[in-house]
């Protein structure tokens, strides 16, 4: 579930291992590139953390972030 805090949408995802996490990141990267809207994220082994905000709008949450969050949920095996 996405949470909004400090003008960012945030969600963490946990996978069975690093290849599963990296595969997810690849799917997210492709979706983000199509939308021309890129996340701030980290990956440590099986965990991926994502923060979304729109830099051009002053680092606040916009409809672009909400749309990307929905796209991310669609490619997540957790959803």
C-alpha atoms as a PDB file:
ATOM      1  CA  UNK A   1       0.000   0.000   0.000  1.00  0.00           C
ATOM      2  CA  UNK A   2       1.246   3.462  -0.905  1.00  0.00           C
ATOM      3  CA  UNK A   3       1.518   6.080   1.810  1.00  0.00           C
ATOM      4  CA  UNK A   4       1.885   9.823   1.349  1.00  0.00           C
ATOM      5  CA  UNK A   5       4.336  11.647   3.590  1.00  0.00           C
ATOM      6  CA  UNK A   6       6.654  14.632   3.170  1.00  0.00           C
ATOM      7  CA  UNK A   7       5.209  15.368  -0.291  1.00  0.00           C
ATOM      8  CA  UNK A   8       6.081  11.901  -1.576  1.00  0.00           C
ATOM      9  CA  UNK A   9       4.292   8.645  -2.239  1.00  0.00           C
ATOM     10  CA  UNK A  10       6.170   5.732  -0.668  1.00  0.00           C
ATOM     11  CA  UNK A  11       5.933   1.974  -0.836  1.00  0.00           C
ATOM     12  CA  UNK A  12       8.297  -0.893  -0.093  1.00  0.00           C
ATOM     13  CA  UNK A  13       8.217  -4.282  -1.797  1.00  0.00           C
ATOM     14  CA  UNK A  14       9.803  -7.501  -0.559  1.00  0.00           C
ATOM     15  CA  UNK A  15      10.619 -10.406  -2.857  1.00  0.00           C
ATOM     16  CA  UNK A  16      11.902 -13.942  -2.410  1.00  0.00           C
ATOM     17  CA  UNK A  17      15.401 -13.056  -3.621  1.00  0.00           C
ATOM     18  CA  UNK A  18      17.529 -10.551  -5.523  1.00  0.00           C
ATOM     19  CA  UNK A  19      16.656 -11.791  -9.049  1.00  0.00           C
ATOM     20  CA  UNK A  20      12.936 -11.364  -8.301  1.00  0.00           C
ATOM     21  CA  UNK A  21      13.526  -7.850  -6.955  1.00  0.00           C
ATOM     22  CA  UNK A  22      15.661  -6.919  -9.954  1.00  0.00           C
ATOM     23  CA  UNK A  23      13.084  -8.312 -12.374  1.00  0.00           C
ATOM     24  CA  UNK A  24      10.451  -6.120 -10.724  1.00  0.00           C
ATOM     25  CA  UNK A  25      12.732  -3.082 -10.995  1.00  0.00           C
ATOM     26  CA  UNK A  26      13.179  -3.786 -14.702  1.00  0.00           C
ATOM     27  CA  UNK A  27       9.403  -3.869 -15.230  1.00  0.00           C
ATOM     28  CA  UNK A  28       9.039  -0.623 -13.261  1.00  0.00           C
ATOM     29  CA  UNK A  29      11.823   1.003 -15.286  1.00  0.00           C
ATOM     30  CA  UNK A  30      10.072   0.165 -18.555  1.00  0.00           C
ATOM     31  CA  UNK A  31       6.735   1.544 -17.302  1.00  0.00           C
ATOM     32  CA  UNK A  32       8.400   4.685 -15.929  1.00  0.00           C
ATOM     33  CA  UNK A  33      10.247   5.306 -19.177  1.00  0.00           C
ATOM     34  CA  UNK A  34       7.013   5.056 -21.177  1.00  0.00           C
ATOM     35  CA  UNK A  35       5.454   7.619 -18.842  1.00  0.00           C
ATOM     36  CA  UNK A  36       8.596   9.808 -18.849  1.00  0.00           C
ATOM     37  CA  UNK A  37       8.351   9.896 -15.065  1.00  0.00           C
ATOM     38  CA  UNK A  38      11.079   8.241 -13.041  1.00  0.00           C
ATOM     39  CA  UNK A  39      11.074   7.085  -9.407  1.00  0.00           C
ATOM     40  CA  UNK A  40      13.560   7.573  -6.648  1.00  0.00           C
ATOM     41  CA  UNK A  41      14.291   4.079  -5.396  1.00  0.00           C
ATOM     42  CA  UNK A  42      16.658   1.805  -3.539  1.00  0.00           C
ATOM     43  CA  UNK A  43      17.303  -1.907  -3.669  1.00  0.00           C
ATOM     44  CA  UNK A  44      18.965  -4.066  -1.049  1.00  0.00           C
ATOM     45  CA  UNK A  45      18.928  -7.766  -1.903  1.00  0.00           C
ATOM     46  CA  UNK A  46      15.212  -8.664  -1.881  1.00  0.00           C
ATOM     47  CA  UNK A  47      13.767  -5.278  -0.873  1.00  0.00           C
ATOM     48  CA  UNK A  48      12.848  -2.392  -3.177  1.00  0.00           C
ATOM     49  CA  UNK A  49      11.757   0.973  -1.766  1.00  0.00           C
ATOM     50  CA  UNK A  50      10.162   3.588  -4.033  1.00  0.00           C
ATOM     51  CA  UNK A  51       9.449   7.292  -3.500  1.00  0.00           C
ATOM     52  CA  UNK A  52       7.421   9.251  -6.043  1.00  0.00           C
ATOM     53  CA  UNK A  53       7.135  13.014  -6.419  1.00  0.00           C
ATOM     54  CA  UNK A  54       7.117  15.371  -9.377  1.00  0.00           C
ATOM     55  CA  UNK A  55      10.340  17.351  -9.440  1.00  0.00           C
ATOM     56  CA  UNK A  56       9.104  19.860 -12.071  1.00  0.00           C
ATOM     57  CA  UNK A  57       6.154  20.738  -9.815  1.00  0.00           C
ATOM     58  CA  UNK A  58       8.348  21.496  -6.809  1.00  0.00           C
ATOM     59  CA  UNK A  59       8.765  17.972  -5.441  1.00  0.00           C
ATOM     60  CA  UNK A  60       5.125  17.394  -4.581  1.00  0.00           C
ATOM     61  CA  UNK A  61       2.742  14.536  -5.341  1.00  0.00           C
ATOM     62  CA  UNK A  62       0.834  15.051  -8.585  1.00  0.00           C
ATOM     63  CA  UNK A  63      -1.405  12.982 -10.843  1.00  0.00           C
ATOM     64  CA  UNK A  64       1.764  11.786 -12.632  1.00  0.00           C
ATOM     65  CA  UNK A  65       2.922  10.157  -9.395  1.00  0.00           C
ATOM     66  CA  UNK A  66      -0.453   8.568  -8.759  1.00  0.00           C
ATOM     67  CA  UNK A  67      -0.517   7.195 -12.307  1.00  0.00           C
ATOM     68  CA  UNK A  68       2.986   5.766 -11.945  1.00  0.00           C
ATOM     69  CA  UNK A  69       2.060   4.226  -8.580  1.00  0.00           C
ATOM     70  CA  UNK A  70      -0.877   2.482 -10.283  1.00  0.00           C
ATOM     71  CA  UNK A  71       1.389   1.247 -13.068  1.00  0.00           C
ATOM     72  CA  UNK A  72       3.888  -0.055 -10.504  1.00  0.00           C
ATOM     73  CA  UNK A  73       1.122  -1.887  -8.670  1.00  0.00           C
ATOM     74  CA  UNK A  74       0.119  -3.574 -11.933  1.00  0.00           C
ATOM     75  CA  UNK A  75       3.619  -5.032 -12.453  1.00  0.00           C
ATOM     76  CA  UNK A  76       4.069  -6.017  -8.812  1.00  0.00           C
ATOM     77  CA  UNK A  77       3.523  -9.665  -7.922  1.00  0.00           C
ATOM     78  CA  UNK A  78       2.347  -8.415  -4.500  1.00  0.00           C
ATOM     79  CA  UNK A  79      -0.712  -6.691  -5.990  1.00  0.00           C
END
